Amino acid sequence: MRLNKGCRDEYIRRHDAIWPDLAALLKDAGVSDYSIYLDADTDTLFGVLWCKDTHALEALPEAEIMQRWWAHMADIMEVNPDNSPVVTPLNRVFHLE
């Protein structure tokens, strides 16, 4: 994901005040741990989430609270026509357990 120029502080502020209903939705969908990292040189965001084997992540885009969050964030980051964040899938090139 990528922030619009000059929106770093606002992005952090909004996530510091994450809506309780959104946090509950994510947990109810099976998310157990979620972090977002920022490359300050490029304004690129990298999200990592861990979820239960029996998760319901595929239903999140249809949830009303998720759609409201996307609209809330659309002015400060690159988004698709439906306000979902533009996401670039990454291929894992290394893993160590």
N, C-alpha and C. Protein backbone atom coordinates (compact mmCIF):
# COMPACT_ATOMS: atom_id res chain seq x y z
N MET A 1 0.85 -1.16 0.00
CA MET A 1 0.00 0.00 0.00
C MET A 1 0.91 1.23 0.00
N ARG A 2 0.36 2.38 -0.38
CA ARG A 2 1.19 3.58 -0.44
C ARG A 2 0.38 4.80 0.03
N LEU A 3 1.03 5.59 0.87
CA LEU A 3 0.44 6.84 1.35
C LEU A 3 0.60 7.94 0.31
N ASN A 4 -0.31 8.90 0.32
CA ASN A 4 -0.13 10.12 -0.45
C ASN A 4 0.94 10.95 0.24
N LYS A 5 1.67 11.72 -0.53
CA LYS A 5 2.74 12.56 0.03
C LYS A 5 2.19 13.46 1.13
N GLY A 6 2.94 13.56 2.22
CA GLY A 6 2.58 14.44 3.32
C GLY A 6 1.50 13.92 4.26
N CYS A 7 1.10 12.66 4.11
CA CYS A 7 -0.02 12.12 4.90
C CYS A 7 0.42 11.15 5.99
N ARG A 8 1.71 11.01 6.20
CA ARG A 8 2.23 10.04 7.17
C ARG A 8 1.67 10.26 8.57
N ASP A 9 1.77 11.49 9.07
CA ASP A 9 1.31 11.76 10.44
C ASP A 9 -0.19 11.52 10.58
N GLU A 10 -0.95 11.89 9.57
CA GLU A 10 -2.40 11.68 9.63
C GLU A 10 -2.74 10.19 9.60
N TYR A 11 -2.02 9.42 8.80
CA TYR A 11 -2.24 7.98 8.74
C TYR A 11 -2.01 7.36 10.13
N ILE A 12 -0.91 7.75 10.75
CA ILE A 12 -0.59 7.23 12.08
C ILE A 12 -1.66 7.68 13.09
N ARG A 13 -2.07 8.94 13.03
CA ARG A 13 -3.08 9.45 13.95
C ARG A 13 -4.38 8.65 13.83
N ARG A 14 -4.80 8.39 12.60
CA ARG A 14 -6.06 7.65 12.40
C ARG A 14 -5.94 6.22 12.91
N HIS A 15 -4.80 5.60 12.73
CA HIS A 15 -4.65 4.23 13.23
C HIS A 15 -4.47 4.19 14.75
N ASP A 16 -3.91 5.23 15.32
CA ASP A 16 -3.84 5.30 16.79
C ASP A 16 -5.24 5.37 17.40
N ALA A 17 -6.19 5.85 16.62
CA ALA A 17 -7.57 5.97 17.07
C ALA A 17 -8.47 4.98 16.34
N ILE A 18 -7.94 3.77 16.08
CA ILE A 18 -8.71 2.77 15.34
C ILE A 18 -10.08 2.58 15.97
N TRP A 19 -11.07 2.48 15.14
CA TRP A 19 -12.43 2.32 15.64
C TRP A 19 -12.58 0.97 16.35
N PRO A 20 -13.13 0.96 17.55
CA PRO A 20 -13.31 -0.30 18.27
C PRO A 20 -14.11 -1.33 17.47
N ASP A 21 -15.13 -0.87 16.72
CA ASP A 21 -15.93 -1.81 15.92
C ASP A 21 -15.09 -2.46 14.82
N LEU A 22 -14.15 -1.71 14.25
CA LEU A 22 -13.28 -2.27 13.22
C LEU A 22 -12.31 -3.27 13.83
N ALA A 23 -11.72 -2.94 14.96
CA ALA A 23 -10.82 -3.87 15.64
C ALA A 23 -11.56 -5.16 15.99
N ALA A 24 -12.79 -5.04 16.46
CA ALA A 24 -13.58 -6.22 16.79
C ALA A 24 -13.89 -7.04 15.55
N LEU A 25 -14.19 -6.38 14.44
CA LEU A 25 -14.46 -7.09 13.19
C LEU A 25 -13.25 -7.92 12.76
N LEU A 26 -12.07 -7.31 12.83
CA LEU A 26 -10.85 -8.01 12.45
C LEU A 26 -10.61 -9.23 13.36
N LYS A 27 -10.78 -9.04 14.65
CA LYS A 27 -10.58 -10.15 15.59
C LYS A 27 -11.62 -11.24 15.36
N ASP A 28 -12.88 -10.84 15.15
CA ASP A 28 -13.93 -11.82 14.89
C ASP A 28 -13.69 -12.59 13.59
N ALA A 29 -13.00 -11.97 12.64
CA ALA A 29 -12.69 -12.63 11.37
C ALA A 29 -11.51 -13.58 11.50
N GLY A 30 -10.85 -13.60 12.68
CA GLY A 30 -9.77 -14.53 12.92
C GLY A 30 -8.39 -13.92 12.95
N VAL A 31 -8.29 -12.58 12.86
CA VAL A 31 -6.98 -11.93 12.93
C VAL A 31 -6.52 -11.93 14.37
N SER A 32 -5.32 -12.47 14.60
CA SER A 32 -4.80 -12.54 15.96
C SER A 32 -3.68 -11.53 16.20
N ASP A 33 -3.06 -11.06 15.12
CA ASP A 33 -1.95 -10.12 15.24
C ASP A 33 -1.85 -9.37 13.92
N TYR A 34 -1.76 -8.04 13.97
CA TYR A 34 -1.74 -7.24 12.75
C TYR A 34 -0.81 -6.06 12.97
N SER A 35 0.17 -5.92 12.11
CA SER A 35 1.11 -4.80 12.16
C SER A 35 1.21 -4.17 10.77
N ILE A 36 1.40 -2.86 10.74
CA ILE A 36 1.65 -2.15 9.49
C ILE A 36 2.96 -1.40 9.67
N TYR A 37 3.86 -1.59 8.71
CA TYR A 37 5.17 -0.95 8.73
C TYR A 37 5.22 0.10 7.63
N LEU A 38 6.02 1.14 7.86
CA LEU A 38 6.14 2.24 6.91
C LEU A 38 7.59 2.40 6.46
N ASP A 39 7.81 2.45 5.16
CA ASP A 39 9.10 2.85 4.61
C ASP A 39 9.00 4.35 4.39
N ALA A 40 9.61 5.11 5.27
CA ALA A 40 9.47 6.57 5.26
C ALA A 40 10.06 7.21 4.01
N ASP A 41 10.99 6.55 3.35
CA ASP A 41 11.59 7.11 2.14
C ASP A 41 10.64 7.07 0.94
N THR A 42 9.77 6.06 0.92
CA THR A 42 8.89 5.88 -0.24
C THR A 42 7.40 6.01 0.10
N ASP A 43 7.07 6.18 1.37
CA ASP A 43 5.67 6.19 1.85
C ASP A 43 4.95 4.89 1.54
N THR A 44 5.71 3.81 1.42
CA THR A 44 5.14 2.49 1.19
C THR A 44 4.79 1.85 2.53
N LEU A 45 3.61 1.27 2.60
CA LEU A 45 3.13 0.55 3.78
C LEU A 45 3.21 -0.95 3.52
N PHE A 46 3.60 -1.68 4.53
CA PHE A 46 3.69 -3.13 4.44
C PHE A 46 2.93 -3.72 5.61
N GLY A 47 1.85 -4.42 5.33
CA GLY A 47 1.03 -5.00 6.39
C GLY A 47 1.32 -6.48 6.57
N VAL A 48 1.40 -6.90 7.83
CA VAL A 48 1.59 -8.31 8.18
C VAL A 48 0.50 -8.68 9.16
N LEU A 49 -0.26 -9.70 8.82
CA LEU A 49 -1.26 -10.16 9.78
C LEU A 49 -1.22 -11.66 9.91
N TRP A 50 -1.47 -12.07 11.11
CA TRP A 50 -1.55 -13.49 11.43
C TRP A 50 -3.01 -13.79 11.73
N CYS A 51 -3.47 -14.92 11.22
CA CYS A 51 -4.87 -15.27 11.46
C CYS A 51 -4.99 -16.76 11.75
N LYS A 52 -6.10 -17.09 12.35
CA LYS A 52 -6.40 -18.47 12.67
C LYS A 52 -6.59 -19.27 11.38
N ASP A 53 -6.40 -20.57 11.47
CA ASP A 53 -6.62 -21.42 10.30
C ASP A 53 -8.05 -21.32 9.80
N THR A 54 -8.98 -21.10 10.72
CA THR A 54 -10.39 -20.98 10.36
C THR A 54 -10.78 -19.51 10.38
N HIS A 55 -10.25 -18.75 9.46
CA HIS A 55 -10.52 -17.31 9.41
C HIS A 55 -11.63 -16.99 8.42
N ALA A 56 -12.09 -15.76 8.46
CA ALA A 56 -13.13 -15.29 7.54
C ALA A 56 -12.69 -13.98 6.88
N LEU A 57 -11.43 -13.91 6.48
CA LEU A 57 -10.90 -12.67 5.90
C LEU A 57 -11.59 -12.30 4.59
N GLU A 58 -12.01 -13.30 3.83
CA GLU A 58 -12.64 -13.02 2.54
C GLU A 58 -13.94 -12.23 2.67
N ALA A 59 -14.56 -12.25 3.84
CA ALA A 59 -15.81 -11.51 4.05
C ALA A 59 -15.58 -10.06 4.45
N LEU A 60 -14.36 -9.70 4.84
CA LEU A 60 -14.10 -8.34 5.33
C LEU A 60 -14.46 -7.23 4.35
N PRO A 61 -14.15 -7.35 3.06
CA PRO A 61 -14.48 -6.25 2.15
C PRO A 61 -15.97 -5.93 2.05
N GLU A 62 -16.81 -6.89 2.37
CA GLU A 62 -18.26 -6.68 2.30
C GLU A 62 -18.83 -6.06 3.57
N ALA A 63 -18.06 -6.03 4.63
CA ALA A 63 -18.55 -5.51 5.91
C ALA A 63 -18.70 -3.99 5.84
N GLU A 64 -19.81 -3.50 6.32
CA GLU A 64 -20.11 -2.06 6.28
C GLU A 64 -19.05 -1.24 7.00
N ILE A 65 -18.58 -1.71 8.14
CA ILE A 65 -17.57 -0.96 8.90
C ILE A 65 -16.26 -0.89 8.12
N MET A 66 -15.91 -1.96 7.39
CA MET A 66 -14.69 -1.94 6.58
C MET A 66 -14.82 -0.93 5.45
N GLN A 67 -15.97 -0.90 4.82
CA GLN A 67 -16.19 0.06 3.73
C GLN A 67 -16.15 1.50 4.24
N ARG A 68 -16.68 1.73 5.44
CA ARG A 68 -16.60 3.08 6.03
C ARG A 68 -15.15 3.44 6.36
N TRP A 69 -14.35 2.47 6.84
CA TRP A 69 -12.94 2.73 7.15
C TRP A 69 -12.17 3.08 5.87
N TRP A 70 -12.43 2.31 4.81
CA TRP A 70 -11.77 2.60 3.54
C TRP A 70 -12.11 4.02 3.07
N ALA A 71 -13.37 4.41 3.17
CA ALA A 71 -13.76 5.78 2.78
C ALA A 71 -13.06 6.81 3.66
N HIS A 72 -12.93 6.50 4.93
CA HIS A 72 -12.26 7.39 5.89
C HIS A 72 -10.78 7.57 5.55
N MET A 73 -10.16 6.55 4.98
CA MET A 73 -8.74 6.58 4.66
C MET A 73 -8.45 6.99 3.21
N ALA A 74 -9.46 7.09 2.37
CA ALA A 74 -9.26 7.28 0.93
C ALA A 74 -8.57 8.59 0.58
N ASP A 75 -8.66 9.60 1.43
CA ASP A 75 -8.05 10.89 1.09
C ASP A 75 -6.55 10.93 1.38
N ILE A 76 -6.02 9.91 2.04
CA ILE A 76 -4.60 9.97 2.41
C ILE A 76 -3.76 8.84 1.84
N MET A 77 -4.37 7.96 1.03
CA MET A 77 -3.59 6.86 0.45
C MET A 77 -4.13 6.49 -0.91
N GLU A 78 -3.33 5.75 -1.67
CA GLU A 78 -3.77 5.28 -2.97
C GLU A 78 -4.87 4.24 -2.78
N VAL A 79 -5.99 4.44 -3.49
CA VAL A 79 -7.12 3.53 -3.36
C VAL A 79 -7.67 3.15 -4.73
N ASN A 80 -8.41 2.06 -4.73
CA ASN A 80 -9.14 1.60 -5.91
C ASN A 80 -10.46 2.35 -6.00
N PRO A 81 -11.21 2.19 -7.10
CA PRO A 81 -12.51 2.88 -7.22
C PRO A 81 -13.49 2.61 -6.07
N ASP A 82 -13.38 1.44 -5.42
CA ASP A 82 -14.27 1.14 -4.29
C ASP A 82 -13.70 1.61 -2.95
N ASN A 83 -12.63 2.42 -2.99
CA ASN A 83 -11.93 2.95 -1.82
C ASN A 83 -11.06 1.94 -1.09
N SER A 84 -11.02 0.69 -1.54
CA SER A 84 -10.10 -0.27 -0.92
C SER A 84 -8.67 0.16 -1.25
N PRO A 85 -7.72 -0.09 -0.35
CA PRO A 85 -6.35 0.30 -0.63
C PRO A 85 -5.79 -0.43 -1.85
N VAL A 86 -5.00 0.26 -2.64
CA VAL A 86 -4.27 -0.40 -3.72
C VAL A 86 -3.21 -1.26 -3.04
N VAL A 87 -3.24 -2.54 -3.33
CA VAL A 87 -2.34 -3.50 -2.69
C VAL A 87 -1.51 -4.19 -3.77
N THR A 88 -0.23 -4.29 -3.52
CA THR A 88 0.66 -5.03 -4.41
C THR A 88 1.06 -6.31 -3.71
N PRO A 89 0.60 -7.45 -4.20
CA PRO A 89 0.99 -8.72 -3.58
C PRO A 89 2.50 -8.92 -3.71
N LEU A 90 3.09 -9.47 -2.66
CA LEU A 90 4.52 -9.76 -2.64
C LEU A 90 4.74 -11.26 -2.62
N ASN A 91 5.78 -11.71 -3.27
CA ASN A 91 6.16 -13.11 -3.24
C ASN A 91 7.22 -13.32 -2.18
N ARG A 92 7.00 -14.31 -1.33
CA ARG A 92 8.00 -14.63 -0.32
C ARG A 92 9.22 -15.24 -1.01
N VAL A 93 10.37 -14.70 -0.70
CA VAL A 93 11.61 -15.21 -1.28
C VAL A 93 12.49 -15.89 -0.24
N PHE A 94 12.11 -15.80 1.04
CA PHE A 94 12.86 -16.47 2.10
C PHE A 94 11.98 -16.63 3.31
N HIS A 95 12.13 -17.75 3.99
CA HIS A 95 11.41 -18.01 5.24
C HIS A 95 12.26 -18.96 6.09
N LEU A 96 12.35 -18.68 7.37
CA LEU A 96 13.08 -19.53 8.29
C LEU A 96 12.21 -19.79 9.51
N GLU A 97 12.03 -21.03 9.85
CA GLU A 97 11.28 -21.39 11.05
C GLU A 97 12.21 -21.95 12.08
